[in-house]
Amino acid sequence: MARSEKERAQEERAEKERALAANVAFYAAFSTSNLAAMDALWSTTRDVAVFHPNWQGIKGRDAVMRSWATILNGAEMADIRPVGARVILSGKMAMVICEEDLVAIRMIATNIFMNEGGTWRIVHHQATRLPEAVPNPTENKGQKGQPSSGR
């Protein structure tokens, strides 16, 4: 029997919530330097990649996990929180886009998860620093009809 539109929408909301929960678990592992929890979140059956800020891209599960070991076993981790997470769901793939709040700076991150047997596993993480807020150059700060020089 075909599912109703309402049932499909409820199922999609539930999958998005599960993907968001996996994203929260990722940041919990990150902020507590829990390498075992981080390892459990990453796919073991698919190609994976990570682009840490200011690092070259890393591909392959062994290399990705070595990079996390370096980061999580390094200096004391800052409290990192995902902010404003949004999920784009497409079949067995969920892309979570969020800002990372690290107290002194803000990052933007994309985390891609694949549904493997009912569990969302990370296959890709990329984060980069957001630029500092700058005034909108289209705002009139000079004379009427004259844009400000910004100086």
N, C-alpha and C. Protein backbone atom coordinates (compact mmCIF):
# COMPACT_ATOMS: atom_id res chain seq x y z
N MET A 1 0.84 -1.17 0.00
CA MET A 1 0.00 0.00 0.00
C MET A 1 0.89 1.24 0.00
N ALA A 2 0.55 2.22 -0.83
CA ALA A 2 1.33 3.44 -0.96
C ALA A 2 1.19 4.30 0.30
N ARG A 3 2.31 4.93 0.66
CA ARG A 3 2.27 5.83 1.81
C ARG A 3 1.66 7.16 1.41
N SER A 4 1.00 7.78 2.34
CA SER A 4 0.40 9.09 2.07
C SER A 4 1.50 10.15 2.10
N GLU A 5 1.17 11.30 1.57
CA GLU A 5 2.10 12.44 1.59
C GLU A 5 2.46 12.79 3.03
N LYS A 6 1.49 12.71 3.92
CA LYS A 6 1.72 13.01 5.33
C LYS A 6 2.71 12.01 5.94
N GLU A 7 2.56 10.74 5.62
CA GLU A 7 3.48 9.71 6.14
C GLU A 7 4.90 9.92 5.60
N ARG A 8 5.01 10.26 4.32
CA ARG A 8 6.33 10.52 3.74
C ARG A 8 6.98 11.73 4.41
N ALA A 9 6.21 12.77 4.67
CA ALA A 9 6.73 13.97 5.32
C ALA A 9 7.18 13.65 6.75
N GLN A 10 6.40 12.83 7.46
CA GLN A 10 6.79 12.45 8.82
C GLN A 10 8.07 11.62 8.80
N GLU A 11 8.17 10.71 7.85
CA GLU A 11 9.38 9.89 7.74
C GLU A 11 10.59 10.75 7.41
N GLU A 12 10.43 11.73 6.54
CA GLU A 12 11.54 12.63 6.20
C GLU A 12 11.97 13.44 7.41
N ARG A 13 10.99 13.96 8.18
CA ARG A 13 11.33 14.71 9.40
C ARG A 13 12.09 13.83 10.38
N ALA A 14 11.67 12.58 10.52
CA ALA A 14 12.34 11.66 11.45
C ALA A 14 13.77 11.39 10.99
N GLU A 15 13.98 11.20 9.69
CA GLU A 15 15.34 10.97 9.18
C GLU A 15 16.21 12.21 9.38
N LYS A 16 15.64 13.38 9.17
CA LYS A 16 16.40 14.61 9.40
C LYS A 16 16.79 14.72 10.87
N GLU A 17 15.89 14.37 11.77
CA GLU A 17 16.20 14.41 13.20
C GLU A 17 17.32 13.42 13.54
N ARG A 18 17.30 12.24 12.93
CA ARG A 18 18.37 11.26 13.18
C ARG A 18 19.71 11.77 12.63
N ALA A 19 19.67 12.41 11.47
CA ALA A 19 20.91 12.98 10.91
C ALA A 19 21.43 14.10 11.81
N LEU A 20 20.53 14.94 12.32
CA LEU A 20 20.94 16.00 13.25
C LEU A 20 21.53 15.41 14.53
N ALA A 21 20.96 14.30 15.01
CA ALA A 21 21.49 13.64 16.21
C ALA A 21 22.90 13.12 15.94
N ALA A 22 23.13 12.57 14.75
CA ALA A 22 24.48 12.11 14.39
C ALA A 22 25.44 13.29 14.34
N ASN A 23 24.97 14.43 13.85
CA ASN A 23 25.80 15.64 13.80
C ASN A 23 26.15 16.11 15.21
N VAL A 24 25.18 16.07 16.12
CA VAL A 24 25.43 16.44 17.52
C VAL A 24 26.45 15.48 18.13
N ALA A 25 26.33 14.19 17.83
CA ALA A 25 27.29 13.20 18.35
C ALA A 25 28.70 13.47 17.82
N PHE A 26 28.79 13.90 16.56
CA PHE A 26 30.09 14.25 15.98
C PHE A 26 30.74 15.38 16.78
N TYR A 27 29.97 16.43 17.06
CA TYR A 27 30.55 17.56 17.81
C TYR A 27 30.81 17.21 19.26
N ALA A 28 30.04 16.30 19.83
CA ALA A 28 30.31 15.85 21.20
C ALA A 28 31.63 15.09 21.25
N ALA A 29 31.85 14.22 20.27
CA ALA A 29 33.12 13.49 20.21
C ALA A 29 34.28 14.46 20.02
N PHE A 30 34.07 15.45 19.17
CA PHE A 30 35.09 16.45 18.88
C PHE A 30 35.43 17.25 20.14
N SER A 31 34.42 17.81 20.79
CA SER A 31 34.68 18.70 21.92
C SER A 31 35.18 17.98 23.17
N THR A 32 34.95 16.67 23.26
CA THR A 32 35.44 15.91 24.41
C THR A 32 36.71 15.11 24.09
N SER A 33 37.24 15.31 22.87
CA SER A 33 38.45 14.60 22.43
C SER A 33 38.30 13.09 22.53
N ASN A 34 37.12 12.58 22.20
CA ASN A 34 36.83 11.16 22.31
C ASN A 34 37.07 10.48 20.95
N LEU A 35 38.28 9.99 20.76
CA LEU A 35 38.66 9.40 19.49
C LEU A 35 37.85 8.14 19.19
N ALA A 36 37.54 7.33 20.20
CA ALA A 36 36.74 6.12 19.97
C ALA A 36 35.35 6.47 19.46
N ALA A 37 34.73 7.50 20.06
CA ALA A 37 33.41 7.94 19.60
C ALA A 37 33.50 8.52 18.20
N MET A 38 34.55 9.29 17.92
CA MET A 38 34.74 9.85 16.58
C MET A 38 34.89 8.72 15.56
N ASP A 39 35.69 7.73 15.89
CA ASP A 39 35.92 6.59 14.99
C ASP A 39 34.60 5.86 14.68
N ALA A 40 33.76 5.71 15.69
CA ALA A 40 32.50 4.98 15.51
C ALA A 40 31.52 5.73 14.60
N LEU A 41 31.69 7.04 14.47
CA LEU A 41 30.78 7.84 13.65
C LEU A 41 31.10 7.80 12.16
N TRP A 42 32.34 7.47 11.81
CA TRP A 42 32.76 7.50 10.41
C TRP A 42 32.45 6.19 9.72
N SER A 43 32.09 6.29 8.46
CA SER A 43 31.77 5.11 7.65
C SER A 43 32.97 4.19 7.54
N THR A 44 32.69 2.91 7.59
CA THR A 44 33.73 1.91 7.35
C THR A 44 33.53 1.22 6.01
N THR A 45 32.45 1.57 5.30
CA THR A 45 32.14 0.89 4.04
C THR A 45 32.23 1.79 2.82
N ARG A 46 32.40 3.09 3.01
CA ARG A 46 32.45 4.03 1.88
C ARG A 46 33.72 4.85 1.92
N ASP A 47 34.03 5.47 0.79
CA ASP A 47 35.15 6.41 0.75
C ASP A 47 34.82 7.59 1.65
N VAL A 48 35.81 8.08 2.38
CA VAL A 48 35.62 9.23 3.26
C VAL A 48 36.70 10.27 2.99
N ALA A 49 36.39 11.51 3.37
CA ALA A 49 37.35 12.61 3.19
C ALA A 49 37.08 13.67 4.26
N VAL A 50 38.12 14.43 4.54
CA VAL A 50 37.99 15.52 5.50
C VAL A 50 38.87 16.68 5.02
N PHE A 51 38.37 17.89 5.22
CA PHE A 51 39.12 19.11 4.93
C PHE A 51 39.11 19.95 6.19
N HIS A 52 40.14 19.76 7.03
CA HIS A 52 40.27 20.56 8.25
C HIS A 52 40.73 21.96 7.84
N PRO A 53 40.40 22.98 8.62
CA PRO A 53 40.84 24.34 8.29
C PRO A 53 42.36 24.40 8.16
N ASN A 54 42.81 24.99 7.08
CA ASN A 54 44.24 25.21 6.81
C ASN A 54 45.04 23.93 6.61
N TRP A 55 44.39 22.83 6.32
CA TRP A 55 45.06 21.57 5.99
C TRP A 55 44.74 21.23 4.55
N GLN A 56 45.58 20.40 3.96
CA GLN A 56 45.26 19.82 2.66
C GLN A 56 44.13 18.82 2.87
N GLY A 57 43.38 18.54 1.82
CA GLY A 57 42.33 17.53 1.92
C GLY A 57 42.92 16.16 2.22
N ILE A 58 42.19 15.38 2.99
CA ILE A 58 42.63 14.04 3.39
C ILE A 58 41.58 13.05 2.95
N LYS A 59 42.01 12.00 2.27
CA LYS A 59 41.09 10.99 1.76
C LYS A 59 41.50 9.63 2.28
N GLY A 60 40.51 8.78 2.45
CA GLY A 60 40.77 7.43 2.94
C GLY A 60 40.57 7.35 4.43
N ARG A 61 39.90 6.32 4.88
CA ARG A 61 39.53 6.22 6.29
C ARG A 61 40.73 6.22 7.22
N ASP A 62 41.76 5.45 6.91
CA ASP A 62 42.93 5.40 7.81
C ASP A 62 43.56 6.79 7.96
N ALA A 63 43.75 7.49 6.85
CA ALA A 63 44.35 8.83 6.91
C ALA A 63 43.44 9.82 7.63
N VAL A 64 42.14 9.72 7.38
CA VAL A 64 41.18 10.60 8.06
C VAL A 64 41.22 10.38 9.56
N MET A 65 41.23 9.13 9.98
CA MET A 65 41.25 8.85 11.42
C MET A 65 42.60 9.25 12.06
N ARG A 66 43.70 9.12 11.32
CA ARG A 66 44.99 9.61 11.84
C ARG A 66 44.92 11.13 12.05
N SER A 67 44.25 11.84 11.13
CA SER A 67 44.14 13.29 11.29
C SER A 67 43.34 13.63 12.54
N TRP A 68 42.26 12.88 12.78
CA TRP A 68 41.47 13.13 13.99
C TRP A 68 42.27 12.80 15.24
N ALA A 69 43.08 11.74 15.19
CA ALA A 69 43.92 11.40 16.35
C ALA A 69 44.88 12.55 16.64
N THR A 70 45.47 13.13 15.60
CA THR A 70 46.39 14.25 15.77
C THR A 70 45.67 15.43 16.41
N ILE A 71 44.49 15.74 15.91
CA ILE A 71 43.73 16.88 16.44
C ILE A 71 43.24 16.62 17.86
N LEU A 72 42.63 15.46 18.08
CA LEU A 72 42.02 15.19 19.38
C LEU A 72 43.05 14.90 20.47
N ASN A 73 44.23 14.44 20.09
CA ASN A 73 45.28 14.18 21.08
C ASN A 73 46.22 15.36 21.24
N GLY A 74 45.95 16.45 20.52
CA GLY A 74 46.79 17.64 20.58
C GLY A 74 46.45 18.49 21.77
N ALA A 75 46.55 19.77 21.55
CA ALA A 75 46.27 20.73 22.62
C ALA A 75 44.83 20.58 23.10
N GLU A 76 44.57 21.13 24.27
CA GLU A 76 43.23 21.06 24.84
C GLU A 76 42.21 21.63 23.85
N MET A 77 41.14 20.90 23.65
CA MET A 77 40.12 21.30 22.69
C MET A 77 39.25 22.41 23.27
N ALA A 78 38.93 23.33 22.39
CA ALA A 78 37.98 24.37 22.77
C ALA A 78 36.59 23.76 22.76
N ASP A 79 35.71 24.37 23.52
CA ASP A 79 34.31 23.95 23.49
C ASP A 79 33.75 24.35 22.13
N ILE A 80 33.37 23.37 21.34
CA ILE A 80 32.87 23.63 20.00
C ILE A 80 31.42 23.19 19.92
N ARG A 81 30.57 24.09 19.43
CA ARG A 81 29.14 23.80 19.36
C ARG A 81 28.62 24.08 17.96
N PRO A 82 27.82 23.14 17.44
CA PRO A 82 27.18 23.42 16.15
C PRO A 82 26.02 24.40 16.36
N VAL A 83 25.90 25.37 15.47
CA VAL A 83 24.87 26.39 15.57
C VAL A 83 24.11 26.45 14.25
N GLY A 84 22.79 26.51 14.34
CA GLY A 84 21.97 26.70 13.15
C GLY A 84 22.05 25.57 12.14
N ALA A 85 22.15 24.34 12.62
CA ALA A 85 22.28 23.20 11.71
C ALA A 85 21.03 23.04 10.84
N ARG A 86 21.28 22.83 9.56
CA ARG A 86 20.21 22.57 8.59
C ARG A 86 20.54 21.29 7.85
N VAL A 87 19.53 20.50 7.56
CA VAL A 87 19.72 19.21 6.89
C VAL A 87 19.13 19.27 5.49
N ILE A 88 19.92 18.81 4.54
CA ILE A 88 19.42 18.58 3.19
C ILE A 88 19.45 17.07 3.02
N LEU A 89 18.28 16.49 2.83
CA LEU A 89 18.14 15.03 2.76
C LEU A 89 17.89 14.63 1.32
N SER A 90 18.64 13.63 0.86
CA SER A 90 18.45 13.11 -0.49
C SER A 90 18.67 11.61 -0.44
N GLY A 91 17.59 10.87 -0.31
CA GLY A 91 17.69 9.41 -0.24
C GLY A 91 18.49 8.99 0.97
N LYS A 92 19.59 8.26 0.72
CA LYS A 92 20.43 7.75 1.82
C LYS A 92 21.56 8.70 2.18
N MET A 93 21.49 9.96 1.68
CA MET A 93 22.50 10.95 1.97
C MET A 93 21.87 12.12 2.71
N ALA A 94 22.55 12.58 3.76
CA ALA A 94 22.12 13.78 4.49
C ALA A 94 23.31 14.73 4.57
N MET A 95 23.09 15.95 4.14
CA MET A 95 24.13 16.97 4.25
C MET A 95 23.69 17.93 5.35
N VAL A 96 24.55 18.09 6.35
CA VAL A 96 24.25 18.99 7.46
C VAL A 96 25.21 20.17 7.34
N ILE A 97 24.62 21.35 7.24
CA ILE A 97 25.40 22.59 7.15
C ILE A 97 25.16 23.35 8.45
N CYS A 98 26.24 23.76 9.09
CA CYS A 98 26.10 24.50 10.34
C CYS A 98 27.29 25.41 10.55
N GLU A 99 27.14 26.32 11.47
CA GLU A 99 28.28 27.09 11.92
C GLU A 99 28.84 26.38 13.15
N GLU A 100 30.13 26.52 13.33
CA GLU A 100 30.80 25.98 14.51
C GLU A 100 31.19 27.15 15.39
N ASP A 101 30.66 27.19 16.58
CA ASP A 101 30.94 28.26 17.53
C ASP A 101 32.09 27.80 18.42
N LEU A 102 33.23 28.47 18.29
CA LEU A 102 34.40 28.15 19.09
C LEU A 102 34.74 29.30 20.04
N VAL A 103 33.77 30.00 20.52
CA VAL A 103 33.87 31.13 21.43
C VAL A 103 34.51 32.33 20.74
N ALA A 104 35.80 32.26 20.38
CA ALA A 104 36.49 33.41 19.81
C ALA A 104 36.29 33.53 18.30
N ILE A 105 35.98 32.43 17.63
CA ILE A 105 35.82 32.47 16.18
C ILE A 105 34.60 31.66 15.76
N ARG A 106 34.18 31.89 14.55
CA ARG A 106 33.08 31.11 13.96
C ARG A 106 33.60 30.44 12.70
N MET A 107 33.22 29.20 12.55
CA MET A 107 33.55 28.42 11.36
C MET A 107 32.24 28.08 10.67
N ILE A 108 32.34 27.69 9.41
CA ILE A 108 31.21 27.14 8.69
C ILE A 108 31.60 25.72 8.31
N ALA A 109 30.69 24.79 8.49
CA ALA A 109 31.02 23.38 8.25
C ALA A 109 29.94 22.70 7.42
N THR A 110 30.40 21.75 6.63
CA THR A 110 29.51 20.86 5.90
C THR A 110 29.88 19.44 6.32
N ASN A 111 28.89 18.70 6.82
CA ASN A 111 29.08 17.32 7.22
C ASN A 111 28.13 16.46 6.39
N ILE A 112 28.68 15.50 5.69
CA ILE A 112 27.87 14.64 4.84
C ILE A 112 27.82 13.25 5.47
N PHE A 113 26.60 12.76 5.62
CA PHE A 113 26.33 11.47 6.24
C PHE A 113 25.68 10.55 5.22
N MET A 114 25.96 9.27 5.31
CA MET A 114 25.27 8.25 4.51
C MET A 114 24.56 7.32 5.48
N ASN A 115 23.35 6.92 5.11
CA ASN A 115 22.59 6.00 5.94
C ASN A 115 23.06 4.58 5.63
N GLU A 116 23.67 3.97 6.62
CA GLU A 116 24.19 2.61 6.49
C GLU A 116 23.43 1.71 7.45
N GLY A 117 22.50 0.96 6.92
CA GLY A 117 21.72 0.05 7.75
C GLY A 117 20.93 0.74 8.84
N GLY A 118 20.44 1.95 8.57
CA GLY A 118 19.64 2.67 9.54
C GLY A 118 20.43 3.60 10.44
N THR A 119 21.76 3.64 10.29
CA THR A 119 22.61 4.51 11.09
C THR A 119 23.29 5.52 10.18
N TRP A 120 23.23 6.79 10.55
CA TRP A 120 23.90 7.84 9.78
C TRP A 120 25.39 7.86 10.13
N ARG A 121 26.24 7.65 9.12
CA ARG A 121 27.70 7.64 9.28
C ARG A 121 28.31 8.77 8.45
N ILE A 122 29.32 9.40 8.99
CA ILE A 122 29.98 10.51 8.30
C ILE A 122 30.85 9.97 7.17
N VAL A 123 30.77 10.64 6.02
CA VAL A 123 31.67 10.33 4.92
C VAL A 123 32.51 11.54 4.53
N HIS A 124 32.10 12.73 5.00
CA HIS A 124 32.84 13.95 4.64
C HIS A 124 32.60 15.04 5.68
N HIS A 125 33.69 15.71 6.08
CA HIS A 125 33.61 16.89 6.95
C HIS A 125 34.51 17.94 6.35
N GLN A 126 33.99 19.14 6.25
CA GLN A 126 34.79 20.26 5.78
C GLN A 126 34.43 21.48 6.60
N ALA A 127 35.44 22.17 7.11
CA ALA A 127 35.20 23.38 7.90
C ALA A 127 36.19 24.45 7.48
N THR A 128 35.72 25.68 7.51
CA THR A 128 36.58 26.81 7.22
C THR A 128 36.12 28.00 8.05
N ARG A 129 37.03 28.88 8.33
CA ARG A 129 36.72 30.05 9.15
C ARG A 129 35.84 31.02 8.36
N LEU A 130 34.83 31.52 9.03
CA LEU A 130 33.99 32.55 8.43
C LEU A 130 34.74 33.88 8.46
N PRO A 131 34.58 34.68 7.44
CA PRO A 131 35.21 36.01 7.50
C PRO A 131 34.56 36.84 8.59
N GLU A 132 35.31 37.80 9.12
CA GLU A 132 34.73 38.68 10.11
C GLU A 132 33.66 39.52 9.43
N ALA A 133 32.67 39.88 10.20
CA ALA A 133 31.58 40.68 9.65
C ALA A 133 32.12 42.01 9.15
N VAL A 134 31.71 42.37 7.96
CA VAL A 134 32.10 43.66 7.40
C VAL A 134 30.83 44.40 7.03
N PRO A 135 30.88 45.72 7.01
CA PRO A 135 29.69 46.47 6.63
C PRO A 135 29.28 46.12 5.20
N ASN A 136 28.00 46.16 4.97
CA ASN A 136 27.47 45.90 3.64
C ASN A 136 27.89 47.05 2.73
N PRO A 137 28.64 46.79 1.65
CA PRO A 137 29.13 47.88 0.80
C PRO A 137 28.03 48.60 0.04
N THR A 138 26.82 48.03 0.02
CA THR A 138 25.72 48.68 -0.69
C THR A 138 24.96 49.65 0.20
N GLU A 139 25.30 49.66 1.50
CA GLU A 139 24.64 50.61 2.40
C GLU A 139 25.15 52.00 2.12
N ASN A 140 24.27 52.98 2.12
CA ASN A 140 24.65 54.37 1.90
C ASN A 140 25.17 54.95 3.20
N LYS A 141 26.46 55.16 3.27
CA LYS A 141 27.03 55.77 4.46
C LYS A 141 27.56 57.16 4.14
N GLY A 142 27.70 57.46 2.86
CA GLY A 142 28.15 58.78 2.44
C GLY A 142 26.96 59.64 2.12
N GLN A 143 27.15 60.56 1.21
CA GLN A 143 26.06 61.43 0.80
C GLN A 143 25.02 60.63 0.05
N LYS A 144 23.83 61.19 -0.01
CA LYS A 144 22.74 60.54 -0.72
C LYS A 144 23.16 60.28 -2.16
N GLY A 145 23.03 59.00 -2.57
CA GLY A 145 23.39 58.63 -3.93
C GLY A 145 24.87 58.33 -4.09
N GLN A 146 25.68 58.56 -3.06
CA GLN A 146 27.12 58.31 -3.13
C GLN A 146 27.48 57.21 -2.15
N PRO A 147 28.02 56.09 -2.62
CA PRO A 147 28.45 55.08 -1.67
C PRO A 147 29.65 55.56 -0.88
N SER A 148 29.78 55.07 0.31
CA SER A 148 30.91 55.40 1.16
C SER A 148 32.17 54.80 0.59
N SER A 149 33.29 55.47 0.72
CA SER A 149 34.57 54.95 0.25
C SER A 149 35.09 53.86 1.16
N GLY A 150 34.53 53.76 2.37
CA GLY A 150 34.97 52.74 3.32
C GLY A 150 36.24 53.11 4.03
N ARG A 151 36.71 54.35 3.86
CA ARG A 151 37.96 54.78 4.50
C ARG A 151 37.71 55.79 5.57
